[in-house]
């Protein structure tokens, strides 16, 4: 797992509680697949490594359990939750509805400054693809989508998107390394951008819908190949 010293120092400087620090660290490790679905969480080892007592860890685990990212099994231990296809499908349904509606809403009023920012992200994504840097590609993927929501500027929409993020982010991290997914992601992002560039609301909505539908189809195929990562 990644070095936690910089994380601890950063949180301390910002006055963030140890419970939040542990939560942020564990959540990032689960979402980033450093902790695989089904992995047992060694609480004593974590307390020692993160230099915290059991109370902040308990607070973090409770929050992660609420997000269905961990499962607490009495007398057995705490485990990284296996991925529920039902939960993912529900989160994806919500995310698809919001993203398709968002690009349709913002397309007619797209300005050149926003188009330049989106185009720059796509250029960076292409560079990350050429450099075989999946972490950077993933970060730019998230940034591309969130920039669209930021352009919409509706706080409650963004809150709804955040509520679905936990179940979907692991899926995106799982699928991006699969053969062809990053190339397809970049191509699909460019199709969305092309429609936005000509202020085509229907075209942008169709391109976004096709992008998200393709991801779900690939997930179903992946789940058939790797059933151990998913709930039975």
Protein backbone atom coordinates (compact mmCIF):
# COMPACT_ATOMS: atom_id res chain seq x y z
CA UNK A 1 0.00 0.00 0.00
CA UNK A 2 1.18 3.53 -0.64
CA UNK A 3 3.23 5.48 1.88
CA UNK A 4 0.84 7.18 4.33
CA UNK A 5 3.28 9.65 5.89
CA UNK A 6 2.50 12.45 3.40
CA UNK A 7 -1.23 11.85 3.88
CA UNK A 8 -0.94 12.10 7.67
CA UNK A 9 1.12 15.27 7.42
CA UNK A 10 -1.28 16.87 4.94
CA UNK A 11 -4.34 16.14 7.07
CA UNK A 12 -2.60 17.41 10.22
CA UNK A 13 -1.71 20.70 8.51
CA UNK A 14 -5.33 21.18 7.49
CA UNK A 15 -6.65 20.33 10.95
CA UNK A 16 -8.51 17.27 9.72
CA UNK A 17 -9.41 14.64 12.32
CA UNK A 18 -7.71 11.28 12.49
CA UNK A 19 -11.02 9.56 11.74
CA UNK A 20 -11.33 11.44 8.48
CA UNK A 21 -7.68 10.78 7.67
CA UNK A 22 -8.17 7.02 8.13
CA UNK A 23 -11.39 7.11 6.13
CA UNK A 24 -9.73 8.99 3.24
CA UNK A 25 -6.79 6.61 3.23
CA UNK A 26 -8.86 3.42 3.29
CA UNK A 27 -11.38 4.70 0.77
CA UNK A 28 -8.62 5.67 -1.67
CA UNK A 29 -7.00 2.25 -1.26
CA UNK A 30 -10.31 0.46 -1.87
CA UNK A 31 -11.37 2.63 -4.81
CA UNK A 32 -7.88 2.41 -6.31
CA UNK A 33 -7.91 -1.39 -5.89
CA UNK A 34 -4.82 -1.44 -3.68
CA UNK A 35 -7.17 -3.36 -1.37
CA UNK A 36 -8.94 -5.94 -3.51
CA UNK A 37 -12.57 -6.99 -3.02
CA UNK A 38 -12.72 -9.71 -0.38
CA UNK A 39 -9.50 -8.65 1.36
CA UNK A 40 -9.55 -8.92 5.15
CA UNK A 41 -8.72 -5.60 6.85
CA UNK A 42 -6.09 -6.05 9.55
CA UNK A 43 -7.14 -3.42 12.08
CA UNK A 44 -4.15 -3.80 14.38
CA UNK A 45 -1.73 -3.42 11.49
CA UNK A 46 -3.59 -0.37 10.21
CA UNK A 47 -3.61 1.31 13.62
CA UNK A 48 0.11 0.74 13.92
CA UNK A 49 0.92 1.93 10.41
CA UNK A 50 -1.37 4.97 10.50
CA UNK A 51 -0.36 5.80 14.09
CA UNK A 52 -3.94 6.01 15.36
CA UNK A 53 -6.02 4.38 18.06
CA UNK A 54 -8.89 2.00 17.36
CA UNK A 55 -11.53 4.75 17.69
CA UNK A 56 -10.64 6.70 14.49
CA UNK A 57 -10.43 3.39 12.64
CA UNK A 58 -13.87 2.37 13.92
CA UNK A 59 -15.29 5.71 12.73
CA UNK A 60 -13.74 5.21 9.29
CA UNK A 61 -14.99 1.64 8.98
CA UNK A 62 -18.53 2.71 9.92
CA UNK A 63 -18.55 5.33 7.16
CA UNK A 64 -17.16 2.87 4.63
CA UNK A 65 -19.77 0.30 5.65
CA UNK A 66 -22.49 2.91 5.00
CA UNK A 67 -21.05 3.31 1.50
CA UNK A 68 -21.01 -0.49 1.09
CA UNK A 69 -17.28 -0.48 0.54
CA UNK A 70 -16.54 -2.68 3.56
CA UNK A 71 -18.44 -5.48 5.26
CA UNK A 72 -18.22 -6.18 8.98
CA UNK A 73 -18.82 -9.85 9.77
CA UNK A 74 -19.22 -10.57 13.52
CA UNK A 75 -16.69 -13.09 14.86
CA UNK A 76 -14.93 -13.12 11.47
CA UNK A 77 -13.58 -9.64 10.79
CA UNK A 78 -13.87 -6.68 8.48
CA UNK A 79 -13.48 -7.16 4.76
CA UNK A 80 -13.34 -5.05 1.64
CA UNK A 81 -16.78 -5.54 0.12
CA UNK A 82 -17.07 -7.55 -3.03
CA UNK A 83 -18.67 -5.58 -5.83
CA UNK A 84 -22.45 -5.80 -6.06
CA UNK A 85 -23.60 -5.70 -9.67
CA UNK A 86 -27.04 -4.63 -8.42
CA UNK A 87 -25.55 -1.64 -6.57
CA UNK A 88 -23.40 -0.74 -9.56
CA UNK A 89 -26.37 -0.97 -11.93
CA UNK A 90 -28.40 1.34 -9.69
CA UNK A 91 -25.56 3.86 -9.38
CA UNK A 92 -24.90 3.68 -13.13
CA UNK A 93 -28.59 4.27 -13.89
CA UNK A 94 -28.53 7.45 -11.81
CA UNK A 95 -25.20 8.60 -13.21
CA UNK A 96 -26.28 7.97 -16.80
CA UNK A 97 -29.49 9.96 -16.39
CA UNK A 98 -27.61 12.89 -14.87
CA UNK A 99 -24.69 12.92 -17.32
CA UNK A 100 -26.87 12.62 -20.42
CA UNK A 101 -29.12 15.42 -19.15
CA UNK A 102 -26.08 17.52 -18.21
CA UNK A 103 -24.40 17.48 -21.62
CA UNK A 104 -27.75 18.14 -23.32
CA UNK A 105 -28.30 21.14 -21.05
CA UNK A 106 -24.84 22.69 -21.40
CA UNK A 107 -24.27 22.06 -25.12
CA UNK A 108 -26.23 25.03 -26.54
CA UNK A 109 -24.34 27.51 -24.37
CA UNK A 110 -20.82 26.09 -24.56
CA UNK A 111 -18.23 28.84 -24.66
CA UNK A 112 -14.80 28.75 -26.22
CA UNK A 113 -13.00 28.90 -22.89
CA UNK A 114 -14.71 25.74 -21.66
CA UNK A 115 -14.11 23.98 -24.97
CA UNK A 116 -10.42 24.80 -24.74
CA UNK A 117 -10.25 23.34 -21.22
CA UNK A 118 -12.00 20.16 -22.29
CA UNK A 119 -9.78 19.86 -25.35
CA UNK A 120 -6.71 20.28 -23.17
CA UNK A 121 -7.85 17.43 -20.91
CA UNK A 122 -8.29 15.20 -23.96
CA UNK A 123 -4.79 16.11 -25.12
CA UNK A 124 -3.44 15.17 -21.69
CA UNK A 125 -5.39 11.91 -21.80
CA UNK A 126 -3.87 11.07 -25.17
CA UNK A 127 -0.41 11.75 -23.71
CA UNK A 128 -1.17 9.53 -20.69
CA UNK A 129 -2.30 6.79 -23.05
CA UNK A 130 0.91 7.01 -25.06
CA UNK A 131 2.95 6.99 -21.86
CA UNK A 132 1.05 3.94 -20.55
CA UNK A 133 0.21 5.84 -17.35
CA UNK A 134 -3.13 4.40 -16.15
CA UNK A 135 -3.27 6.44 -12.94
CA UNK A 136 -2.91 9.74 -14.79
CA UNK A 137 -5.38 8.60 -17.44
CA UNK A 138 -7.90 7.73 -14.73
CA UNK A 139 -7.46 11.09 -12.97
CA UNK A 140 -8.07 12.90 -16.26
CA UNK A 141 -11.11 10.69 -16.92
CA UNK A 142 -12.64 11.83 -13.64
CA UNK A 143 -11.68 15.45 -14.36
CA UNK A 144 -13.33 15.38 -17.80
CA UNK A 145 -16.66 14.22 -16.42
CA UNK A 146 -16.61 16.49 -13.38
CA UNK A 147 -15.86 19.53 -15.53
CA UNK A 148 -19.14 18.95 -17.33
CA UNK A 149 -21.03 18.94 -14.04
CA UNK A 150 -19.16 22.04 -12.91
CA UNK A 151 -20.28 23.79 -16.10
CA UNK A 152 -23.89 22.91 -15.28
CA UNK A 153 -23.40 24.56 -11.87
CA UNK A 154 -26.26 22.80 -10.08
CA UNK A 155 -25.17 21.90 -6.55
CA UNK A 156 -27.75 19.19 -5.92
CA UNK A 157 -26.89 17.44 -9.16
CA UNK A 158 -23.25 17.31 -8.10
CA UNK A 159 -24.31 15.97 -4.68
CA UNK A 160 -26.33 13.23 -6.37
CA UNK A 161 -23.33 12.36 -8.54
CA UNK A 162 -21.11 12.14 -5.46
CA UNK A 163 -23.60 9.76 -3.82
CA UNK A 164 -23.14 7.30 -6.69
CA UNK A 165 -19.38 7.68 -6.93
CA UNK A 166 -18.33 4.99 -4.41
CA UNK A 167 -19.82 2.08 -6.34
CA UNK A 168 -18.74 3.34 -9.76
CA UNK A 169 -15.16 4.41 -9.14
CA UNK A 170 -13.94 0.88 -8.41
CA UNK A 171 -15.54 -0.25 -11.65
CA UNK A 172 -13.80 2.45 -13.64
CA UNK A 173 -10.46 1.52 -12.09
CA UNK A 174 -11.07 -2.16 -12.83
CA UNK A 175 -12.05 -1.64 -16.45
CA UNK A 176 -9.52 0.99 -17.57
CA UNK A 177 -6.58 -1.48 -17.62
CA UNK A 178 -8.51 -4.02 -19.71
CA UNK A 179 -7.33 -4.25 -23.34
CA UNK A 180 -8.76 -1.45 -25.47
CA UNK A 181 -10.75 0.30 -22.72
CA UNK A 182 -8.51 3.35 -22.43
CA UNK A 183 -8.38 3.74 -26.20
CA UNK A 184 -12.15 3.42 -26.35
CA UNK A 185 -12.60 5.86 -23.47
CA UNK A 186 -10.54 8.50 -25.26
CA UNK A 187 -12.43 7.94 -28.51
CA UNK A 188 -15.79 8.16 -26.70
CA UNK A 189 -14.73 11.33 -24.87
CA UNK A 190 -13.72 12.88 -28.18
CA UNK A 191 -17.17 12.08 -29.60
CA UNK A 192 -18.80 13.87 -26.66
CA UNK A 193 -16.46 16.82 -27.13
CA UNK A 194 -17.14 16.99 -30.88
CA UNK A 195 -20.88 17.30 -30.26
CA UNK A 196 -20.35 19.93 -27.56
CA UNK A 197 -18.06 21.89 -29.89
CA UNK A 198 -20.90 22.37 -32.40
CA UNK A 199 -23.47 22.97 -29.63
CA UNK A 200 -25.37 19.80 -30.59
CA UNK A 201 -27.43 18.87 -27.51
CA UNK A 202 -28.92 15.69 -28.98
CA UNK A 203 -25.56 14.55 -30.33
CA UNK A 204 -23.82 15.17 -27.01
CA UNK A 205 -26.53 13.27 -25.13
CA UNK A 206 -26.30 10.33 -27.56
CA UNK A 207 -22.49 10.24 -27.34
CA UNK A 208 -22.55 10.32 -23.55
CA UNK A 209 -25.21 7.61 -23.38
CA UNK A 210 -23.23 5.38 -25.76
CA UNK A 211 -20.06 5.91 -23.69
CA UNK A 212 -21.70 4.93 -20.40
CA UNK A 213 -23.64 2.02 -21.91
CA UNK A 214 -20.43 0.58 -23.35
CA UNK A 215 -18.78 0.67 -19.94
CA UNK A 216 -21.65 -1.30 -18.41
CA UNK A 217 -21.52 -3.90 -21.17
CA UNK A 218 -17.80 -4.35 -20.60
CA UNK A 219 -18.43 -4.69 -16.87
CA UNK A 220 -20.82 -7.58 -17.43
CA UNK A 221 -18.24 -9.38 -19.55
CA UNK A 222 -15.52 -8.71 -16.98
CA UNK A 223 -17.72 -10.02 -14.13
CA UNK A 224 -18.22 -13.26 -16.03
CA UNK A 225 -14.43 -13.64 -16.30
CA UNK A 226 -13.60 -12.59 -12.70
CA UNK A 227 -16.53 -13.73 -10.52
CA UNK A 228 -14.39 -13.79 -7.35
CA UNK A 229 -14.43 -9.96 -7.23
CA UNK A 230 -18.22 -9.81 -7.20
CA UNK A 231 -21.00 -10.82 -4.87
CA UNK A 232 -22.55 -14.16 -5.86
